[in-house]
Amino acid sequence: MDKFREWTPPREVLPDKVISRDRLLTNATIYWLTGTAGSPAYVGYAQEPAWGAPRPNSGVPTGVIVFAHDVGIRRYAETENTITRWTDVDRGGHFAALEEPRTLIADIRAFFRDLR
């Protein structure tokens, strides 16, 4: 719950006022029962090359959606990715799939529609 409280805007509001209690508990239960709570943290830790080291651009079309209370810096993203869609959203944060699921899904669909 502490990460949901810290990373869900606004911080002074309890997370279950932004994300329903059922969604919070479902999310936590999935991680707990599958034993995968450490997996998201490991991704950043185990990266090769080391975090922050430049990589060549893959040329793969990439879509990015940046929610208001999360970090996305386009000039850094463009050094390693071929950005074909960049969307800034005026709400939401780190847990966008829980906070703004319709907005996220609509943007993912638009990205793939543009690739056709």
Protein backbone atom coordinates (compact mmCIF):
# COMPACT_ATOMS: atom_id res chain seq x y z
CA MET A 1 0.00 0.00 0.00
CA ASP A 2 2.85 2.41 0.64
CA LYS A 3 3.90 2.43 -3.04
CA PHE A 4 0.32 2.98 -4.15
CA ARG A 5 0.07 5.89 -1.69
CA GLU A 6 3.39 7.44 -2.74
CA TRP A 7 3.01 6.95 -6.49
CA THR A 8 -0.72 7.64 -6.94
CA PRO A 9 -1.66 11.30 -7.27
CA PRO A 10 -2.65 13.22 -5.29
CA ARG A 11 -0.56 11.91 -2.40
CA GLU A 12 -2.76 13.41 0.29
CA VAL A 13 -5.70 11.26 -0.86
CA LEU A 14 -5.86 7.61 0.15
CA PRO A 15 -5.08 5.34 -2.82
CA ASP A 16 -8.45 3.58 -2.60
CA LYS A 17 -10.12 6.91 -3.44
CA VAL A 18 -8.25 6.97 -6.78
CA ILE A 19 -8.12 3.23 -7.48
CA SER A 20 -10.92 1.05 -6.15
CA ARG A 21 -10.17 -1.14 -3.14
CA ASP A 22 -11.10 -4.22 -5.22
CA ARG A 23 -8.52 -3.32 -7.89
CA LEU A 24 -5.83 -2.67 -5.29
CA LEU A 25 -6.49 -5.97 -3.54
CA THR A 26 -6.71 -7.90 -6.82
CA ASN A 27 -3.38 -6.45 -7.95
CA ALA A 28 -1.66 -7.23 -4.65
CA THR A 29 -3.18 -10.72 -4.53
CA ILE A 30 -1.95 -11.60 -8.02
CA TYR A 31 1.62 -10.63 -7.08
CA TRP A 32 1.37 -12.45 -3.74
CA LEU A 33 -0.15 -15.71 -4.99
CA THR A 34 2.10 -15.98 -8.04
CA GLY A 35 5.24 -15.07 -6.09
CA THR A 36 6.12 -12.40 -8.65
CA ALA A 37 6.27 -9.27 -6.49
CA GLY A 38 10.02 -8.94 -7.05
CA SER A 39 9.86 -9.27 -10.84
CA PRO A 40 9.12 -5.60 -11.63
CA ALA A 41 12.05 -4.43 -9.50
CA TYR A 42 14.40 -6.96 -11.07
CA VAL A 43 13.89 -5.58 -14.58
CA GLY A 44 15.74 -2.35 -13.77
CA TYR A 45 18.36 -4.11 -11.67
CA ALA A 46 19.30 -6.77 -14.23
CA GLN A 47 19.47 -4.59 -17.32
CA GLU A 48 22.37 -5.03 -19.70
CA PRO A 49 24.10 -2.72 -20.34
CA ALA A 50 24.03 -0.99 -16.99
CA TRP A 51 21.20 1.47 -16.35
CA GLY A 52 21.90 4.74 -18.10
CA ALA A 53 24.49 3.42 -20.55
CA PRO A 54 23.55 4.41 -24.11
CA ARG A 55 22.29 1.74 -26.48
CA PRO A 56 21.90 1.82 -30.24
CA ASN A 57 18.47 2.67 -31.63
CA SER A 58 16.67 -0.53 -32.63
CA GLY A 59 14.56 1.13 -35.32
CA VAL A 60 11.43 -0.54 -33.93
CA PRO A 61 8.38 1.78 -33.97
CA THR A 62 7.67 2.76 -30.37
CA GLY A 63 4.66 4.37 -28.73
CA VAL A 64 4.93 6.24 -25.45
CA ILE A 65 2.17 7.56 -23.21
CA VAL A 66 3.22 9.79 -20.32
CA PHE A 67 0.73 10.39 -17.53
CA ALA A 68 0.77 13.67 -15.61
CA HIS A 69 2.33 12.38 -12.41
CA ASP A 70 4.96 10.08 -13.92
CA VAL A 71 8.22 10.81 -15.68
CA GLY A 72 8.85 10.61 -19.40
CA ILE A 73 11.63 12.59 -21.01
CA ARG A 74 11.28 12.53 -24.78
CA ARG A 75 14.83 13.50 -25.72
CA TYR A 76 16.18 10.53 -23.75
CA ALA A 77 13.54 8.16 -25.09
CA GLU A 78 14.39 9.15 -28.67
CA THR A 79 18.07 8.23 -28.31
CA GLU A 80 17.30 4.50 -28.09
CA ASN A 81 13.85 4.26 -29.65
CA THR A 82 12.10 5.23 -32.86
CA ILE A 83 9.21 7.17 -31.34
CA THR A 84 6.25 7.11 -33.73
CA ARG A 85 3.62 8.10 -31.17
CA TRP A 86 4.06 10.22 -28.04
CA THR A 87 1.03 11.07 -25.92
CA ASP A 88 0.99 13.35 -22.87
CA VAL A 89 -2.01 12.89 -20.56
CA ASP A 90 -3.05 15.52 -18.00
CA ARG A 91 -4.01 13.01 -15.29
CA GLY A 92 -2.90 9.65 -13.90
CA GLY A 93 0.50 8.54 -12.71
CA HIS A 94 2.75 5.54 -12.18
CA PHE A 95 -0.12 3.03 -11.97
CA ALA A 96 -1.79 4.22 -15.18
CA ALA A 97 -3.34 0.84 -16.00
CA LEU A 98 -5.20 0.99 -12.68
CA GLU A 99 -5.82 4.74 -12.57
CA GLU A 100 -6.75 5.49 -16.20
CA PRO A 101 -7.35 2.14 -17.94
CA ARG A 102 -9.61 3.51 -20.69
CA THR A 103 -7.14 6.24 -21.62
CA LEU A 104 -4.26 3.76 -21.73
CA ILE A 105 -6.16 1.20 -23.83
CA ALA A 106 -7.37 3.86 -26.28
CA ASP A 107 -3.80 5.06 -26.84
CA ILE A 108 -2.41 1.54 -27.29
CA ARG A 109 -5.12 0.82 -29.86
CA ALA A 110 -4.40 4.08 -31.69
CA PHE A 111 -0.67 3.25 -31.79
CA PHE A 112 -1.27 -0.13 -33.43
CA ARG A 113 -3.96 1.25 -35.75
CA ASP A 114 -1.40 3.79 -37.04
CA LEU A 115 1.06 0.95 -37.77
CA ARG A 116 -1.32 -0.79 -40.16
